[in-house]
Amino acid sequence: MVLASLAQIPGRQVHLLRVRAVLRVMLMVTESATFVATLPPLLSAIRISGDGGCRIMLDIPETEMGEAMKLLLWREQVLRLTVEPDGDDQPYTNFD
């Protein structure tokens, strides 16, 4: 969304191409993204769809956004996810 909105600003086409190039170079170095997140306290955080799939919503703190932004470049790819508890046994905290 951020990249798409930048593309609509006149004169930002070249800047947008540079941003994409930098992100692609970052992904060549690392083919994974690791960040902490929580499931939001919403009934719709995990939605089961009628076709047998599901959609999961995550709250990601600002400190983890660099890693999470890698997902933008992988939007049209199949991703393999491994989810595990952080292990610090801290209760849920809202990242807002």
PDB file of N, CA and C in Angstrom:
ATOM      1  N   MET A   1       0.808  -1.189   0.000  1.00  0.00           N
ATOM      2  CA  MET A   1       0.000   0.000   0.000  1.00  0.00           C
ATOM      3  C   MET A   1       0.854   1.255   0.000  1.00  0.00           C
ATOM      4  N   VAL A   2       1.905   1.240   0.812  1.00  0.00           N
ATOM      5  CA  VAL A   2       2.774   2.412   0.886  1.00  0.00           C
ATOM      6  C   VAL A   2       3.436   2.662  -0.455  1.00  0.00           C
ATOM      7  N   LEU A   3       3.956   1.604  -1.082  1.00  0.00           N
ATOM      8  CA  LEU A   3       4.612   1.765  -2.376  1.00  0.00           C
ATOM      9  C   LEU A   3       3.613   2.214  -3.435  1.00  0.00           C
ATOM     10  N   ALA A   4       2.405   1.696  -3.390  1.00  0.00           N
ATOM     11  CA  ALA A   4       1.391   2.091  -4.367  1.00  0.00           C
ATOM     12  C   ALA A   4       1.005   3.551  -4.200  1.00  0.00           C
ATOM     13  N   SER A   5       0.910   4.021  -2.952  1.00  0.00           N
ATOM     14  CA  SER A   5       0.546   5.422  -2.738  1.00  0.00           C
ATOM     15  C   SER A   5       1.681   6.350  -3.161  1.00  0.00           C
ATOM     16  N   LEU A   6       2.935   5.923  -3.010  1.00  0.00           N
ATOM     17  CA  LEU A   6       4.062   6.732  -3.476  1.00  0.00           C
ATOM     18  C   LEU A   6       4.044   6.874  -4.999  1.00  0.00           C
ATOM     19  N   ALA A   7       3.599   5.839  -5.677  1.00  0.00           N
ATOM     20  CA  ALA A   7       3.595   5.850  -7.142  1.00  0.00           C
ATOM     21  C   ALA A   7       2.635   6.896  -7.692  1.00  0.00           C
ATOM     22  N   GLN A   8       1.644   7.285  -6.906  1.00  0.00           N
ATOM     23  CA  GLN A   8       0.652   8.230  -7.389  1.00  0.00           C
ATOM     24  C   GLN A   8       1.076   9.679  -7.198  1.00  0.00           C
ATOM     25  N   ILE A   9       2.176   9.936  -6.514  1.00  0.00           N
ATOM     26  CA  ILE A   9       2.668  11.289  -6.315  1.00  0.00           C
ATOM     27  C   ILE A   9       3.539  11.654  -7.511  1.00  0.00           C
ATOM     28  N   PRO A  10       3.240  12.758  -8.217  1.00  0.00           N
ATOM     29  CA  PRO A  10       4.048  13.145  -9.380  1.00  0.00           C
ATOM     30  C   PRO A  10       5.524  13.300  -9.010  1.00  0.00           C
ATOM     31  N   GLY A  11       6.398  12.798  -9.858  1.00  0.00           N
ATOM     32  CA  GLY A  11       7.828  12.919  -9.622  1.00  0.00           C
ATOM     33  C   GLY A  11       8.397  11.861  -8.698  1.00  0.00           C
ATOM     34  N   ARG A  12       7.564  10.981  -8.182  1.00  0.00           N
ATOM     35  CA  ARG A  12       8.026   9.956  -7.249  1.00  0.00           C
ATOM     36  C   ARG A  12       8.317   8.618  -7.912  1.00  0.00           C
ATOM     37  N   GLN A  13       8.113   8.518  -9.229  1.00  0.00           N
ATOM     38  CA  GLN A  13       8.321   7.259  -9.935  1.00  0.00           C
ATOM     39  C   GLN A  13       9.755   6.761  -9.781  1.00  0.00           C
ATOM     40  N   VAL A  14      10.732   7.640  -9.949  1.00  0.00           N
ATOM     41  CA  VAL A  14      12.137   7.248  -9.839  1.00  0.00           C
ATOM     42  C   VAL A  14      12.450   6.831  -8.412  1.00  0.00           C
ATOM     43  N   HIS A  15      11.948   7.592  -7.449  1.00  0.00           N
ATOM     44  CA  HIS A  15      12.169   7.255  -6.037  1.00  0.00           C
ATOM     45  C   HIS A  15      11.566   5.887  -5.716  1.00  0.00           C
ATOM     46  N   LEU A  16      10.380   5.629  -6.225  1.00  0.00           N
ATOM     47  CA  LEU A  16       9.720   4.354  -5.992  1.00  0.00           C
ATOM     48  C   LEU A  16      10.550   3.207  -6.551  1.00  0.00           C
ATOM     49  N   LEU A  17      11.109   3.381  -7.734  1.00  0.00           N
ATOM     50  CA  LEU A  17      11.954   2.345  -8.324  1.00  0.00           C
ATOM     51  C   LEU A  17      13.196   2.094  -7.484  1.00  0.00           C
ATOM     52  N   ARG A  18      13.766   3.148  -6.917  1.00  0.00           N
ATOM     53  CA  ARG A  18      14.947   2.989  -6.055  1.00  0.00           C
ATOM     54  C   ARG A  18      14.583   2.236  -4.779  1.00  0.00           C
ATOM     55  N   VAL A  19      13.434   2.568  -4.188  1.00  0.00           N
ATOM     56  CA  VAL A  19      12.990   1.879  -2.975  1.00  0.00           C
ATOM     57  C   VAL A  19      12.810   0.398  -3.253  1.00  0.00           C
ATOM     58  N   ARG A  20      12.160   0.077  -4.371  1.00  0.00           N
ATOM     59  CA  ARG A  20      11.969  -1.330  -4.729  1.00  0.00           C
ATOM     60  C   ARG A  20      13.301  -2.029  -4.952  1.00  0.00           C
ATOM     61  N   ALA A  21      14.243  -1.356  -5.588  1.00  0.00           N
ATOM     62  CA  ALA A  21      15.555  -1.954  -5.849  1.00  0.00           C
ATOM     63  C   ALA A  21      16.279  -2.246  -4.543  1.00  0.00           C
ATOM     64  N   VAL A  22      16.225  -1.313  -3.598  1.00  0.00           N
ATOM     65  CA  VAL A  22      16.877  -1.516  -2.300  1.00  0.00           C
ATOM     66  C   VAL A  22      16.234  -2.675  -1.566  1.00  0.00           C
ATOM     67  N   LEU A  23      14.908  -2.746  -1.587  1.00  0.00           N
ATOM     68  CA  LEU A  23      14.230  -3.850  -0.909  1.00  0.00           C
ATOM     69  C   LEU A  23      14.574  -5.186  -1.547  1.00  0.00           C
ATOM     70  N   ARG A  24      14.686  -5.219  -2.864  1.00  0.00           N
ATOM     71  CA  ARG A  24      15.048  -6.472  -3.535  1.00  0.00           C
ATOM     72  C   ARG A  24      16.473  -6.906  -3.178  1.00  0.00           C
ATOM     73  N   VAL A  25      17.387  -5.960  -3.060  1.00  0.00           N
ATOM     74  CA  VAL A  25      18.757  -6.286  -2.645  1.00  0.00           C
ATOM     75  C   VAL A  25      18.750  -6.836  -1.227  1.00  0.00           C
ATOM     76  N   MET A  26      17.949  -6.217  -0.340  1.00  0.00           N
ATOM     77  CA  MET A  26      17.837  -6.725   1.033  1.00  0.00           C
ATOM     78  C   MET A  26      17.370  -8.171   1.033  1.00  0.00           C
ATOM     79  N   LEU A  27      16.421  -8.496   0.171  1.00  0.00           N
ATOM     80  CA  LEU A  27      15.889  -9.847   0.125  1.00  0.00           C
ATOM     81  C   LEU A  27      16.871 -10.839  -0.460  1.00  0.00           C
ATOM     82  N   MET A  28      17.777 -10.380  -1.326  1.00  0.00           N
ATOM     83  CA  MET A  28      18.790 -11.281  -1.858  1.00  0.00           C
ATOM     84  C   MET A  28      19.742 -11.717  -0.753  1.00  0.00           C
ATOM     85  N   VAL A  29      19.974 -10.827   0.202  1.00  0.00           N
ATOM     86  CA  VAL A  29      20.873 -11.135   1.312  1.00  0.00           C
ATOM     87  C   VAL A  29      20.212 -12.110   2.267  1.00  0.00           C
ATOM     88  N   THR A  30      18.948 -11.908   2.537  1.00  0.00           N
ATOM     89  CA  THR A  30      18.236 -12.779   3.461  1.00  0.00           C
ATOM     90  C   THR A  30      16.915 -13.202   2.837  1.00  0.00           C
ATOM     91  N   GLU A  31      16.651 -14.464   2.857  1.00  0.00           N
ATOM     92  CA  GLU A  31      15.417 -14.984   2.287  1.00  0.00           C
ATOM     93  C   GLU A  31      14.390 -15.294   3.361  1.00  0.00           C
ATOM     94  N   SER A  32      14.479 -14.620   4.509  1.00  0.00           N
ATOM     95  CA  SER A  32      13.498 -14.848   5.560  1.00  0.00           C
ATOM     96  C   SER A  32      13.240 -13.542   6.314  1.00  0.00           C
ATOM     97  N   ALA A  33      12.155 -13.533   7.021  1.00  0.00           N
ATOM     98  CA  ALA A  33      11.807 -12.403   7.878  1.00  0.00           C
ATOM     99  C   ALA A  33      11.452 -12.962   9.244  1.00  0.00           C
ATOM    100  N   THR A  34      12.049 -12.417  10.279  1.00  0.00           N
ATOM    101  CA  THR A  34      11.783 -12.862  11.644  1.00  0.00           C
ATOM    102  C   THR A  34      11.395 -11.649  12.470  1.00  0.00           C
ATOM    103  N   PHE A  35      10.232 -11.691  13.088  1.00  0.00           N
ATOM    104  CA  PHE A  35       9.780 -10.582  13.917  1.00  0.00           C
ATOM    105  C   PHE A  35       8.791 -11.102  14.954  1.00  0.00           C
ATOM    106  N   VAL A  36       8.610 -10.335  16.021  1.00  0.00           N
ATOM    107  CA  VAL A  36       7.627 -10.692  17.037  1.00  0.00           C
ATOM    108  C   VAL A  36       6.307 -10.006  16.703  1.00  0.00           C
ATOM    109  N   ALA A  37       5.234 -10.648  17.057  1.00  0.00           N
ATOM    110  CA  ALA A  37       3.900 -10.117  16.815  1.00  0.00           C
ATOM    111  C   ALA A  37       2.942 -10.781  17.793  1.00  0.00           C
ATOM    112  N   THR A  38       1.770 -10.215  17.910  1.00  0.00           N
ATOM    113  CA  THR A  38       0.722 -10.823  18.725  1.00  0.00           C
ATOM    114  C   THR A  38      -0.554 -10.892  17.899  1.00  0.00           C
ATOM    115  N   LEU A  39      -1.432 -11.777  18.306  1.00  0.00           N
ATOM    116  CA  LEU A  39      -2.767 -11.802  17.728  1.00  0.00           C
ATOM    117  C   LEU A  39      -3.567 -10.718  18.436  1.00  0.00           C
ATOM    118  N   PRO A  40      -4.233  -9.843  17.707  1.00  0.00           N
ATOM    119  CA  PRO A  40      -5.007  -8.794  18.362  1.00  0.00           C
ATOM    120  C   PRO A  40      -6.186  -9.398  19.131  1.00  0.00           C
ATOM    121  N   PRO A  41      -6.622  -8.715  20.179  1.00  0.00           N
ATOM    122  CA  PRO A  41      -7.742  -9.235  20.980  1.00  0.00           C
ATOM    123  C   PRO A  41      -9.091  -8.988  20.292  1.00  0.00           C
ATOM    124  N   LEU A  42      -9.244  -9.536  19.111  1.00  0.00           N
ATOM    125  CA  LEU A  42     -10.459  -9.371  18.317  1.00  0.00           C
ATOM    126  C   LEU A  42     -11.003 -10.743  17.941  1.00  0.00           C
ATOM    127  N   LEU A  43     -12.307 -10.862  17.843  1.00  0.00           N
ATOM    128  CA  LEU A  43     -12.884 -12.121  17.386  1.00  0.00           C
ATOM    129  C   LEU A  43     -12.484 -12.417  15.948  1.00  0.00           C
ATOM    130  N   SER A  44     -12.216 -11.380  15.180  1.00  0.00           N
ATOM    131  CA  SER A  44     -11.874 -11.570  13.769  1.00  0.00           C
ATOM    132  C   SER A  44     -10.374 -11.724  13.531  1.00  0.00           C
ATOM    133  N   ALA A  45      -9.566 -11.896  14.574  1.00  0.00           N
ATOM    134  CA  ALA A  45      -8.121 -12.044  14.397  1.00  0.00           C
ATOM    135  C   ALA A  45      -7.788 -13.297  13.588  1.00  0.00           C
ATOM    136  N   ILE A  46      -8.565 -14.345  13.772  1.00  0.00           N
ATOM    137  CA  ILE A  46      -8.422 -15.563  12.970  1.00  0.00           C
ATOM    138  C   ILE A  46      -9.788 -15.844  12.367  1.00  0.00           C
ATOM    139  N   ARG A  47      -9.881 -15.708  11.053  1.00  0.00           N
ATOM    140  CA  ARG A  47     -11.156 -15.899  10.359  1.00  0.00           C
ATOM    141  C   ARG A  47     -11.089 -17.155   9.507  1.00  0.00           C
ATOM    142  N   ILE A  48     -12.050 -18.015   9.688  1.00  0.00           N
ATOM    143  CA  ILE A  48     -12.153 -19.227   8.884  1.00  0.00           C
ATOM    144  C   ILE A  48     -13.074 -18.918   7.709  1.00  0.00           C
ATOM    145  N   SER A  49     -12.612 -19.199   6.505  1.00  0.00           N
ATOM    146  CA  SER A  49     -13.427 -18.896   5.324  1.00  0.00           C
ATOM    147  C   SER A  49     -14.196 -20.129   4.883  1.00  0.00           C
ATOM    148  N   GLY A  50     -15.191 -19.898   4.054  1.00  0.00           N
ATOM    149  CA  GLY A  50     -16.042 -20.984   3.582  1.00  0.00           C
ATOM    150  C   GLY A  50     -15.346 -21.983   2.677  1.00  0.00           C
ATOM    151  N   ASP A  51     -14.242 -21.576   2.053  1.00  0.00           N
ATOM    152  CA  ASP A  51     -13.548 -22.495   1.139  1.00  0.00           C
ATOM    153  C   ASP A  51     -12.506 -23.347   1.848  1.00  0.00           C
ATOM    154  N   GLY A  52     -12.475 -23.300   3.167  1.00  0.00           N
ATOM    155  CA  GLY A  52     -11.570 -24.152   3.930  1.00  0.00           C
ATOM    156  C   GLY A  52     -10.277 -23.480   4.356  1.00  0.00           C
ATOM    157  N   GLY A  53     -10.022 -22.274   3.932  1.00  0.00           N
ATOM    158  CA  GLY A  53      -8.816 -21.558   4.338  1.00  0.00           C
ATOM    159  C   GLY A  53      -9.087 -20.679   5.551  1.00  0.00           C
ATOM    160  N   CYS A  54      -8.104 -19.905   5.927  1.00  0.00           N
ATOM    161  CA  CYS A  54      -8.294 -18.953   7.014  1.00  0.00           C
ATOM    162  C   CYS A  54      -7.406 -17.740   6.787  1.00  0.00           C
ATOM    163  N   ARG A  55      -7.732 -16.663   7.460  1.00  0.00           N
ATOM    164  CA  ARG A  55      -6.962 -15.427   7.390  1.00  0.00           C
ATOM    165  C   ARG A  55      -6.578 -15.060   8.815  1.00  0.00           C
ATOM    166  N   ILE A  56      -5.305 -14.717   9.002  1.00  0.00           N
ATOM    167  CA  ILE A  56      -4.783 -14.394  10.331  1.00  0.00           C
ATOM    168  C   ILE A  56      -4.301 -12.960  10.340  1.00  0.00           C
ATOM    169  N   MET A  57      -4.706 -12.203  11.353  1.00  0.00           N
ATOM    170  CA  MET A  57      -4.296 -10.813  11.514  1.00  0.00           C
ATOM    171  C   MET A  57      -3.255 -10.753  12.646  1.00  0.00           C
ATOM    172  N   LEU A  58      -2.224  -9.943  12.458  1.00  0.00           N
ATOM    173  CA  LEU A  58      -1.172  -9.799  13.464  1.00  0.00           C
ATOM    174  C   LEU A  58      -0.988  -8.336  13.848  1.00  0.00           C
ATOM    175  N   ASP A  59      -0.692  -8.095  15.120  1.00  0.00           N
ATOM    176  CA  ASP A  59      -0.239  -6.782  15.580  1.00  0.00           C
ATOM    177  C   ASP A  59       1.280  -6.836  15.650  1.00  0.00           C
ATOM    178  N   ILE A  60       1.942  -5.934  14.937  1.00  0.00           N
ATOM    179  CA  ILE A  60       3.402  -5.914  14.862  1.00  0.00           C
ATOM    180  C   ILE A  60       3.885  -4.581  15.422  1.00  0.00           C
ATOM    181  N   PRO A  61       4.790  -4.599  16.416  1.00  0.00           N
ATOM    182  CA  PRO A  61       5.275  -3.334  16.974  1.00  0.00           C
ATOM    183  C   PRO A  61       6.148  -2.578  15.971  1.00  0.00           C
ATOM    184  N   GLU A  62       6.231  -1.290  16.150  1.00  0.00           N
ATOM    185  CA  GLU A  62       7.005  -0.441  15.235  1.00  0.00           C
ATOM    186  C   GLU A  62       8.462  -0.875  15.158  1.00  0.00           C
ATOM    187  N   THR A  63       9.007  -1.384  16.256  1.00  0.00           N
ATOM    188  CA  THR A  63      10.408  -1.814  16.268  1.00  0.00           C
ATOM    189  C   THR A  63      10.664  -3.006  15.353  1.00  0.00           C
ATOM    190  N   GLU A  64       9.623  -3.711  14.950  1.00  0.00           N
ATOM    191  CA  GLU A  64       9.761  -4.894  14.101  1.00  0.00           C
ATOM    192  C   GLU A  64       9.372  -4.618  12.649  1.00  0.00           C
ATOM    193  N   MET A  65       9.025  -3.387  12.326  1.00  0.00           N
ATOM    194  CA  MET A  65       8.503  -3.072  11.001  1.00  0.00           C
ATOM    195  C   MET A  65       9.507  -3.327   9.880  1.00  0.00           C
ATOM    196  N   GLY A  66      10.769  -3.147  10.137  1.00  0.00           N
ATOM    197  CA  GLY A  66      11.780  -3.399   9.109  1.00  0.00           C
ATOM    198  C   GLY A  66      11.701  -4.821   8.578  1.00  0.00           C
ATOM    199  N   GLU A  67      11.615  -5.766   9.474  1.00  0.00           N
ATOM    200  CA  GLU A  67      11.502  -7.172   9.067  1.00  0.00           C
ATOM    201  C   GLU A  67      10.144  -7.456   8.449  1.00  0.00           C
ATOM    202  N   ALA A  68       9.103  -6.904   9.041  1.00  0.00           N
ATOM    203  CA  ALA A  68       7.749  -7.168   8.544  1.00  0.00           C
ATOM    204  C   ALA A  68       7.537  -6.599   7.141  1.00  0.00           C
ATOM    205  N   MET A  69       8.219  -5.522   6.803  1.00  0.00           N
ATOM    206  CA  MET A  69       8.052  -4.902   5.489  1.00  0.00           C
ATOM    207  C   MET A  69       8.548  -5.805   4.362  1.00  0.00           C
ATOM    208  N   LYS A  70       9.389  -6.765   4.677  1.00  0.00           N
ATOM    209  CA  LYS A  70       9.839  -7.718   3.663  1.00  0.00           C
ATOM    210  C   LYS A  70       8.654  -8.471   3.065  1.00  0.00           C
ATOM    211  N   LEU A  71       7.593  -8.617   3.846  1.00  0.00           N
ATOM    212  CA  LEU A  71       6.415  -9.329   3.363  1.00  0.00           C
ATOM    213  C   LEU A  71       5.779  -8.637   2.155  1.00  0.00           C
ATOM    214  N   LEU A  72       5.977  -7.325   2.038  1.00  0.00           N
ATOM    215  CA  LEU A  72       5.425  -6.596   0.898  1.00  0.00           C
ATOM    216  C   LEU A  72       5.943  -7.145  -0.429  1.00  0.00           C
ATOM    217  N   LEU A  73       7.204  -7.511  -0.467  1.00  0.00           N
ATOM    218  CA  LEU A  73       7.780  -8.025  -1.711  1.00  0.00           C
ATOM    219  C   LEU A  73       7.384  -9.470  -1.986  1.00  0.00           C
ATOM    220  N   TRP A  74       6.849 -10.141  -0.988  1.00  0.00           N
ATOM    221  CA  TRP A  74       6.462 -11.540  -1.144  1.00  0.00           C
ATOM    222  C   TRP A  74       4.954 -11.697  -1.257  1.00  0.00           C
ATOM    223  N   ARG A  75       4.233 -10.612  -1.509  1.00  0.00           N
ATOM    224  CA  ARG A  75       2.767 -10.648  -1.539  1.00  0.00           C
ATOM    225  C   ARG A  75       2.209 -11.675  -2.506  1.00  0.00           C
ATOM    226  N   GLU A  76       2.825 -11.858  -3.642  1.00  0.00           N
ATOM    227  CA  GLU A  76       2.274 -12.744  -4.665  1.00  0.00           C
ATOM    228  C   GLU A  76       2.950 -14.116  -4.666  1.00  0.00           C
ATOM    229  N   GLN A  77       3.633 -14.447  -3.579  1.00  0.00           N
ATOM    230  CA  GLN A  77       4.299 -15.734  -3.477  1.00  0.00           C
ATOM    231  C   GLN A  77       3.667 -16.557  -2.366  1.00  0.00           C
ATOM    232  N   VAL A  78       3.815 -17.853  -2.458  1.00  0.00           N
ATOM    233  CA  VAL A  78       3.390 -18.736  -1.380  1.00  0.00           C
ATOM    234  C   VAL A  78       4.456 -18.661  -0.301  1.00  0.00           C
ATOM    235  N   LEU A  79       4.048 -18.459   0.930  1.00  0.00           N
ATOM    236  CA  LEU A  79       4.984 -18.349   2.047  1.00  0.00           C
ATOM    237  C   LEU A  79       4.869 -19.564   2.951  1.00  0.00           C
ATOM    238  N   ARG A  80       5.984 -19.994   3.500  1.00  0.00           N
ATOM    239  CA  ARG A  80       5.998 -21.066   4.492  1.00  0.00           C
ATOM    240  C   ARG A  80       6.208 -20.406   5.847  1.00  0.00           C
ATOM    241  N   LEU A  81       5.267 -20.585   6.751  1.00  0.00           N
ATOM    242  CA  LEU A  81       5.326 -19.928   8.059  1.00  0.00           C
ATOM    243  C   LEU A  81       5.565 -20.928   9.167  1.00  0.00           C
ATOM    244  N   THR A  82       6.382 -20.534  10.115  1.00  0.00           N
ATOM    245  CA  THR A  82       6.554 -21.265  11.359  1.00  0.00           C
ATOM    246  C   THR A  82       6.270 -20.273  12.475  1.00  0.00           C
ATOM    247  N   VAL A  83       5.317 -20.583  13.318  1.00  0.00           N
ATOM    248  CA  VAL A  83       4.939 -19.686  14.407  1.00  0.00           C
ATOM    249  C   VAL A  83       5.234 -20.388  15.719  1.00  0.00           C
ATOM    250  N   GLU A  84       5.898 -19.670  16.622  1.00  0.00           N
ATOM    251  CA  GLU A  84       6.218 -20.247  17.929  1.00  0.00           C
ATOM    252  C   GLU A  84       6.102 -19.165  18.993  1.00  0.00           C
ATOM    253  N   PRO A  85       5.762 -19.548  20.220  1.00  0.00           N
ATOM    254  CA  PRO A  85       5.719 -18.562  21.300  1.00  0.00           C
ATOM    255  C   PRO A  85       7.102 -17.971  21.517  1.00  0.00           C
ATOM    256  N   ASP A  86       7.138 -16.715  21.928  1.00  0.00           N
ATOM    257  CA  ASP A  86       8.406 -16.022  22.145  1.00  0.00           C
ATOM    258  C   ASP A  86       9.179 -16.624  23.314  1.00  0.00           C
ATOM    259  N   GLY A  87       8.477 -17.229  24.244  1.00  0.00           N
ATOM    260  CA  GLY A  87       9.146 -17.909  25.344  1.00  0.00           C
ATOM    261  C   GLY A  87       9.397 -17.063  26.568  1.00  0.00           C
ATOM    262  N   ASP A  88       9.031 -15.786  26.543  1.00  0.00           N
ATOM    263  CA  ASP A  88       9.295 -14.952  27.709  1.00  0.00           C
ATOM    264  C   ASP A  88       8.123 -14.950  28.694  1.00  0.00           C
ATOM    265  N   ASP A  89       7.049 -15.647  28.383  1.00  0.00           N
ATOM    266  CA  ASP A  89       5.878 -15.796  29.258  1.00  0.00           C
ATOM    267  C   ASP A  89       5.285 -14.468  29.707  1.00  0.00           C
ATOM    268  N   GLN A  90       5.491 -13.406  28.929  1.00  0.00           N
ATOM    269  CA  GLN A  90       4.876 -12.127  29.256  1.00  0.00           C
ATOM    270  C   GLN A  90       3.461 -12.113  28.722  1.00  0.00           C
ATOM    271  N   PRO A  91       2.553 -11.463  29.445  1.00  0.00           N
ATOM    272  CA  PRO A  91       1.185 -11.388  28.942  1.00  0.00           C
ATOM    273  C   PRO A  91       1.098 -10.500  27.708  1.00  0.00           C
ATOM    274  N   TYR A  92      -0.006 -10.621  27.006  1.00  0.00           N
ATOM    275  CA  TYR A  92      -0.252  -9.809  25.812  1.00  0.00           C
ATOM    276  C   TYR A  92      -0.159  -8.332  26.158  1.00  0.00           C
ATOM    277  N   THR A  93       0.550  -7.587  25.337  1.00  0.00           N
ATOM    278  CA  THR A  93       0.578  -6.119  25.476  1.00  0.00           C
ATOM    279  C   THR A  93       0.195  -5.532  24.149  1.00  0.00           C
ATOM    280  N   ASN A  94      -0.633  -4.526  24.174  1.00  0.00           N
ATOM    281  CA  ASN A  94      -1.085  -3.882  22.957  1.00  0.00           C
ATOM    282  C   ASN A  94       0.053  -3.032  22.402  1.00  0.00           C
ATOM    283  N   PHE A  95       0.372  -3.202  21.122  1.00  0.00           N
ATOM    284  CA  PHE A  95       1.485  -2.474  20.504  1.00  0.00           C
ATOM    285  C   PHE A  95       1.100  -1.089  20.024  1.00  0.00           C
ATOM    286  N   ASP A  96      -0.160  -0.713  20.153  1.00  0.00           N
ATOM    287  CA  ASP A  96      -0.590   0.616  19.670  1.00  0.00           C
ATOM    288  C   ASP A  96       0.016   1.734  20.465  1.00  0.00           C
TER     289      ASP A  96
END
